[in-house]
Amino acid sequence: MAKVLIIYHSQSGNTEAMAKAVAEGAKSAGAYVVLKKATEADANDMLACDVVAIGTPNFFGYMSGLVKDYFDRAWIVIRDKVANKPYVTFGSKGGGGAQALETVEGICNGMKMTRIADGVVATRQPSEAVIGECKELGKKIAHPEKLTPPAVKEPRL
């Protein structure tokens, strides 16, 4: 049974709804799930899990400041210890693109973590279809050993 850590920040409740759906999907597939707001998570949470899902709203084309704060606080402890750790991203946006997920992926890739599935993005309040995608994402990450990482995205210029 995989231990899944879900770290997220949500100001409007949209990303929190997605986080809960990812957790529900992972639990339904037999995973042990730890669901934490970014302000409550620490480096040990990341080290203790088998796979991590990171959720953030898109603020001005970047991840939430509180998700970035999590990475800032945990960095010194986790940076050399999470190579190859599987991760996924999810989040909500107002109307722009999904750059926030790309910024999270940039940090995770810098630590040599392995993205094991494409991220899920909602525009504003997640629809039932998006909630379904989040549940499916949770089911997938409950068994990270069965996943083949998606193709690496080329950076946007």
C-alpha atoms as a PDB file:
ATOM      1  CA  MET A   1       0.000   0.000   0.000  1.00  0.00           C
ATOM      2  CA  ALA A   2       1.422   3.355  -1.044  1.00  0.00           C
ATOM      3  CA  LYS A   3       1.584   6.294   1.326  1.00  0.00           C
ATOM      4  CA  VAL A   4       0.277   9.309  -0.595  1.00  0.00           C
ATOM      5  CA  LEU A   5       0.970  12.845   0.600  1.00  0.00           C
ATOM      6  CA  ILE A   6      -1.299  15.584  -0.741  1.00  0.00           C
ATOM      7  CA  ILE A   7      -0.046  19.112  -0.094  1.00  0.00           C
ATOM      8  CA  TYR A   8      -2.190  22.028  -1.225  1.00  0.00           C
ATOM      9  CA  HIS A   9      -3.150  25.647  -0.753  1.00  0.00           C
ATOM     10  CA  SER A  10      -6.609  26.975  -1.479  1.00  0.00           C
ATOM     11  CA  GLN A  11      -7.957  30.431  -0.915  1.00  0.00           C
ATOM     12  CA  SER A  12     -11.343  30.100  -2.622  1.00  0.00           C
ATOM     13  CA  GLY A  13     -11.931  26.419  -1.853  1.00  0.00           C
ATOM     14  CA  ASN A  14     -11.496  25.325  -5.477  1.00  0.00           C
ATOM     15  CA  THR A  15      -8.086  23.683  -5.079  1.00  0.00           C
ATOM     16  CA  GLU A  16      -9.165  22.229  -1.730  1.00  0.00           C
ATOM     17  CA  ALA A  17     -12.106  20.486  -3.437  1.00  0.00           C
ATOM     18  CA  MET A  18      -9.655  19.047  -5.938  1.00  0.00           C
ATOM     19  CA  ALA A  19      -7.287  17.917  -3.151  1.00  0.00           C
ATOM     20  CA  LYS A  20     -10.122  16.121  -1.393  1.00  0.00           C
ATOM     21  CA  ALA A  21     -11.100  14.401  -4.653  1.00  0.00           C
ATOM     22  CA  VAL A  22      -7.492  13.230  -5.214  1.00  0.00           C
ATOM     23  CA  ALA A  23      -7.482  11.907  -1.644  1.00  0.00           C
ATOM     24  CA  GLU A  24     -10.809  10.125  -2.148  1.00  0.00           C
ATOM     25  CA  GLY A  25      -9.536   8.454  -5.313  1.00  0.00           C
ATOM     26  CA  ALA A  26      -6.284   7.347  -3.681  1.00  0.00           C
ATOM     27  CA  LYS A  27      -8.097   5.947  -0.628  1.00  0.00           C
ATOM     28  CA  SER A  28     -10.557   4.068  -2.835  1.00  0.00           C
ATOM     29  CA  ALA A  29      -7.581   2.400  -4.536  1.00  0.00           C
ATOM     30  CA  GLY A  30      -6.132   1.273  -1.207  1.00  0.00           C
ATOM     31  CA  ALA A  31      -3.566   3.976  -0.470  1.00  0.00           C
ATOM     32  CA  TYR A  32      -2.855   5.472   2.926  1.00  0.00           C
ATOM     33  CA  VAL A  33      -3.428   9.206   2.449  1.00  0.00           C
ATOM     34  CA  VAL A  34      -2.068  12.213   4.324  1.00  0.00           C
ATOM     35  CA  LEU A  35      -3.867  15.403   3.286  1.00  0.00           C
ATOM     36  CA  LYS A  36      -2.198  18.624   4.475  1.00  0.00           C
ATOM     37  CA  LYS A  37      -2.471  22.308   3.797  1.00  0.00           C
ATOM     38  CA  ALA A  38       0.877  23.701   2.663  1.00  0.00           C
ATOM     39  CA  THR A  39       1.171  25.704   5.885  1.00  0.00           C
ATOM     40  CA  GLU A  40       0.866  22.500   7.954  1.00  0.00           C
ATOM     41  CA  ALA A  41       3.250  20.309   5.928  1.00  0.00           C
ATOM     42  CA  ASP A  42       6.948  19.961   6.646  1.00  0.00           C
ATOM     43  CA  ALA A  43       9.989  18.272   5.155  1.00  0.00           C
ATOM     44  CA  ASN A  44       9.403  15.054   7.082  1.00  0.00           C
ATOM     45  CA  ASP A  45       6.019  14.629   5.402  1.00  0.00           C
ATOM     46  CA  MET A  46       7.716  14.599   2.007  1.00  0.00           C
ATOM     47  CA  LEU A  47      10.412  12.177   3.162  1.00  0.00           C
ATOM     48  CA  ALA A  48       7.874   9.789   4.702  1.00  0.00           C
ATOM     49  CA  CYS A  49       5.627   9.386   1.648  1.00  0.00           C
ATOM     50  CA  ASP A  50       5.899   7.153  -1.401  1.00  0.00           C
ATOM     51  CA  VAL A  51       4.284   9.657  -3.769  1.00  0.00           C
ATOM     52  CA  VAL A  52       3.251  13.307  -3.450  1.00  0.00           C
ATOM     53  CA  ALA A  53       0.464  15.324  -5.085  1.00  0.00           C
ATOM     54  CA  ILE A  54       0.868  19.094  -4.951  1.00  0.00           C
ATOM     55  CA  GLY A  55      -2.093  21.399  -5.485  1.00  0.00           C
ATOM     56  CA  THR A  56      -2.005  25.123  -6.052  1.00  0.00           C
ATOM     57  CA  PRO A  57      -4.106  27.906  -7.454  1.00  0.00           C
ATOM     58  CA  ASN A  58      -2.622  29.967 -10.267  1.00  0.00           C
ATOM     59  CA  PHE A  59      -1.733  33.379  -8.852  1.00  0.00           C
ATOM     60  CA  PHE A  60      -0.324  35.772 -11.450  1.00  0.00           C
ATOM     61  CA  GLY A  61       1.073  32.894 -13.503  1.00  0.00           C
ATOM     62  CA  TYR A  62       2.812  31.331 -10.497  1.00  0.00           C
ATOM     63  CA  MET A  63       2.120  28.868  -7.720  1.00  0.00           C
ATOM     64  CA  SER A  64       0.538  30.072  -4.502  1.00  0.00           C
ATOM     65  CA  GLY A  65       2.954  31.849  -2.183  1.00  0.00           C
ATOM     66  CA  LEU A  66       2.123  29.341   0.547  1.00  0.00           C
ATOM     67  CA  VAL A  67       3.047  26.382  -1.678  1.00  0.00           C
ATOM     68  CA  LYS A  68       6.310  28.166  -2.509  1.00  0.00           C
ATOM     69  CA  ASP A  69       6.772  28.772   1.233  1.00  0.00           C
ATOM     70  CA  TYR A  70       6.474  25.007   1.796  1.00  0.00           C
ATOM     71  CA  PHE A  71       9.276  24.366  -0.693  1.00  0.00           C
ATOM     72  CA  ASP A  72      11.379  27.146   0.849  1.00  0.00           C
ATOM     73  CA  ARG A  73      11.001  25.649   4.338  1.00  0.00           C
ATOM     74  CA  ALA A  74      11.533  22.031   3.262  1.00  0.00           C
ATOM     75  CA  TRP A  75      14.251  22.570   0.636  1.00  0.00           C
ATOM     76  CA  ILE A  76      17.344  22.256   2.813  1.00  0.00           C
ATOM     77  CA  VAL A  77      16.153  18.917   4.239  1.00  0.00           C
ATOM     78  CA  ILE A  78      14.611  17.274   1.158  1.00  0.00           C
ATOM     79  CA  ARG A  79      16.755  18.519  -1.725  1.00  0.00           C
ATOM     80  CA  ASP A  80      19.163  15.584  -1.843  1.00  0.00           C
ATOM     81  CA  LYS A  81      16.713  12.968  -0.579  1.00  0.00           C
ATOM     82  CA  VAL A  82      13.784  13.009  -2.997  1.00  0.00           C
ATOM     83  CA  ALA A  83      15.425  12.083  -6.301  1.00  0.00           C
ATOM     84  CA  ASN A  84      13.087   9.782  -8.233  1.00  0.00           C
ATOM     85  CA  LYS A  85      10.196  10.351  -5.785  1.00  0.00           C
ATOM     86  CA  PRO A  86       6.988  10.252  -7.843  1.00  0.00           C
ATOM     87  CA  TYR A  87       4.844  13.389  -7.925  1.00  0.00           C
ATOM     88  CA  VAL A  88       1.811  14.899  -9.648  1.00  0.00           C
ATOM     89  CA  THR A  89       0.281  18.365  -9.698  1.00  0.00           C
ATOM     90  CA  PHE A  90      -3.228  19.788  -9.745  1.00  0.00           C
ATOM     91  CA  GLY A  91      -4.816  23.169  -9.288  1.00  0.00           C
ATOM     92  CA  SER A  92      -7.253  25.855 -10.253  1.00  0.00           C
ATOM     93  CA  LYS A  93      -6.957  29.005 -12.288  1.00  0.00           C
ATOM     94  CA  GLY A  94      -9.031  32.062 -12.951  1.00  0.00           C
ATOM     95  CA  GLY A  95      -8.727  32.445 -16.666  1.00  0.00           C
ATOM     96  CA  GLY A  96      -5.054  32.317 -17.643  1.00  0.00           C
ATOM     97  CA  GLY A  97      -2.996  29.259 -18.385  1.00  0.00           C
ATOM     98  CA  ALA A  98      -1.717  26.495 -16.151  1.00  0.00           C
ATOM     99  CA  GLN A  99       1.634  28.155 -15.443  1.00  0.00           C
ATOM    100  CA  ALA A 100       1.304  27.525 -11.696  1.00  0.00           C
ATOM    101  CA  LEU A 101       1.574  23.783 -12.258  1.00  0.00           C
ATOM    102  CA  GLU A 102       4.592  24.342 -14.466  1.00  0.00           C
ATOM    103  CA  THR A 103       6.320  26.315 -11.705  1.00  0.00           C
ATOM    104  CA  VAL A 104       5.719  23.481  -9.215  1.00  0.00           C
ATOM    105  CA  GLU A 105       7.007  20.999 -11.802  1.00  0.00           C
ATOM    106  CA  GLY A 106      10.114  23.152 -12.245  1.00  0.00           C
ATOM    107  CA  ILE A 107      10.966  22.871  -8.551  1.00  0.00           C
ATOM    108  CA  CYS A 108      10.237  19.130  -8.442  1.00  0.00           C
ATOM    109  CA  ASN A 109      12.247  18.499 -11.591  1.00  0.00           C
ATOM    110  CA  GLY A 110      15.111  20.506 -10.093  1.00  0.00           C
ATOM    111  CA  MET A 111      15.135  18.042  -7.209  1.00  0.00           C
ATOM    112  CA  LYS A 112      15.130  15.180  -9.741  1.00  0.00           C
ATOM    113  CA  MET A 113      11.679  13.979  -8.706  1.00  0.00           C
ATOM    114  CA  THR A 114       9.648  12.038 -11.289  1.00  0.00           C
ATOM    115  CA  ARG A 115       6.353  13.375 -12.653  1.00  0.00           C
ATOM    116  CA  ILE A 116       4.190  10.279 -13.082  1.00  0.00           C
ATOM    117  CA  ALA A 117       1.037  11.767 -14.614  1.00  0.00           C
ATOM    118  CA  ASP A 118      -0.140  14.948 -16.254  1.00  0.00           C
ATOM    119  CA  GLY A 119      -1.591  17.556 -13.922  1.00  0.00           C
ATOM    120  CA  VAL A 120      -5.283  18.350 -13.620  1.00  0.00           C
ATOM    121  CA  VAL A 121      -6.436  21.965 -13.973  1.00  0.00           C
ATOM    122  CA  ALA A 122      -9.814  23.505 -13.191  1.00  0.00           C
ATOM    123  CA  THR A 123     -10.974  26.882 -14.390  1.00  0.00           C
ATOM    124  CA  ARG A 124     -12.418  28.463 -11.282  1.00  0.00           C
ATOM    125  CA  GLN A 125     -14.765  26.078  -9.426  1.00  0.00           C
ATOM    126  CA  PRO A 126     -13.976  22.505 -10.514  1.00  0.00           C
ATOM    127  CA  SER A 127     -16.736  20.890 -12.546  1.00  0.00           C
ATOM    128  CA  GLU A 128     -17.967  17.372 -11.838  1.00  0.00           C
ATOM    129  CA  ALA A 129     -15.803  16.235 -14.764  1.00  0.00           C
ATOM    130  CA  VAL A 130     -12.694  17.799 -13.205  1.00  0.00           C
ATOM    131  CA  ILE A 131     -13.540  16.293  -9.809  1.00  0.00           C
ATOM    132  CA  GLY A 132     -13.762  12.946 -11.617  1.00  0.00           C
ATOM    133  CA  GLU A 133     -10.335  13.548 -13.180  1.00  0.00           C
ATOM    134  CA  CYS A 134      -8.941  14.281  -9.711  1.00  0.00           C
ATOM    135  CA  LYS A 135     -10.392  11.054  -8.325  1.00  0.00           C
ATOM    136  CA  GLU A 136      -8.835   9.151 -11.234  1.00  0.00           C
ATOM    137  CA  LEU A 137      -5.514  10.886 -10.581  1.00  0.00           C
ATOM    138  CA  GLY A 138      -5.748   9.729  -6.969  1.00  0.00           C
ATOM    139  CA  LYS A 139      -6.394   6.153  -8.077  1.00  0.00           C
ATOM    140  CA  LYS A 140      -3.364   6.295 -10.372  1.00  0.00           C
ATOM    141  CA  ILE A 141      -0.980   7.592  -7.734  1.00  0.00           C
ATOM    142  CA  ALA A 142      -2.111   4.939  -5.269  1.00  0.00           C
ATOM    143  CA  HIS A 143      -0.028   2.564  -7.395  1.00  0.00           C
ATOM    144  CA  PRO A 144       2.924   4.658  -8.636  1.00  0.00           C
ATOM    145  CA  GLU A 145       4.917   1.557  -9.562  1.00  0.00           C
ATOM    146  CA  LYS A 146       2.429   0.860 -12.364  1.00  0.00           C
ATOM    147  CA  LEU A 147       2.792   4.264 -14.026  1.00  0.00           C
ATOM    148  CA  THR A 148       5.050   5.279 -16.852  1.00  0.00           C
ATOM    149  CA  PRO A 149       6.066   8.942 -16.632  1.00  0.00           C
ATOM    150  CA  PRO A 150       4.539  11.102 -19.389  1.00  0.00           C
ATOM    151  CA  ALA A 151       6.772  12.717 -21.974  1.00  0.00           C
ATOM    152  CA  VAL A 152       8.825  15.627 -20.710  1.00  0.00           C
ATOM    153  CA  LYS A 153       7.303  18.982 -21.624  1.00  0.00           C
ATOM    154  CA  GLU A 154       9.454  21.382 -23.534  1.00  0.00           C
ATOM    155  CA  PRO A 155       9.930  24.680 -21.688  1.00  0.00           C
ATOM    156  CA  ARG A 156       7.934  27.631 -22.991  1.00  0.00           C
ATOM    157  CA  LEU A 157       9.983  30.475 -24.411  1.00  0.00           C
END
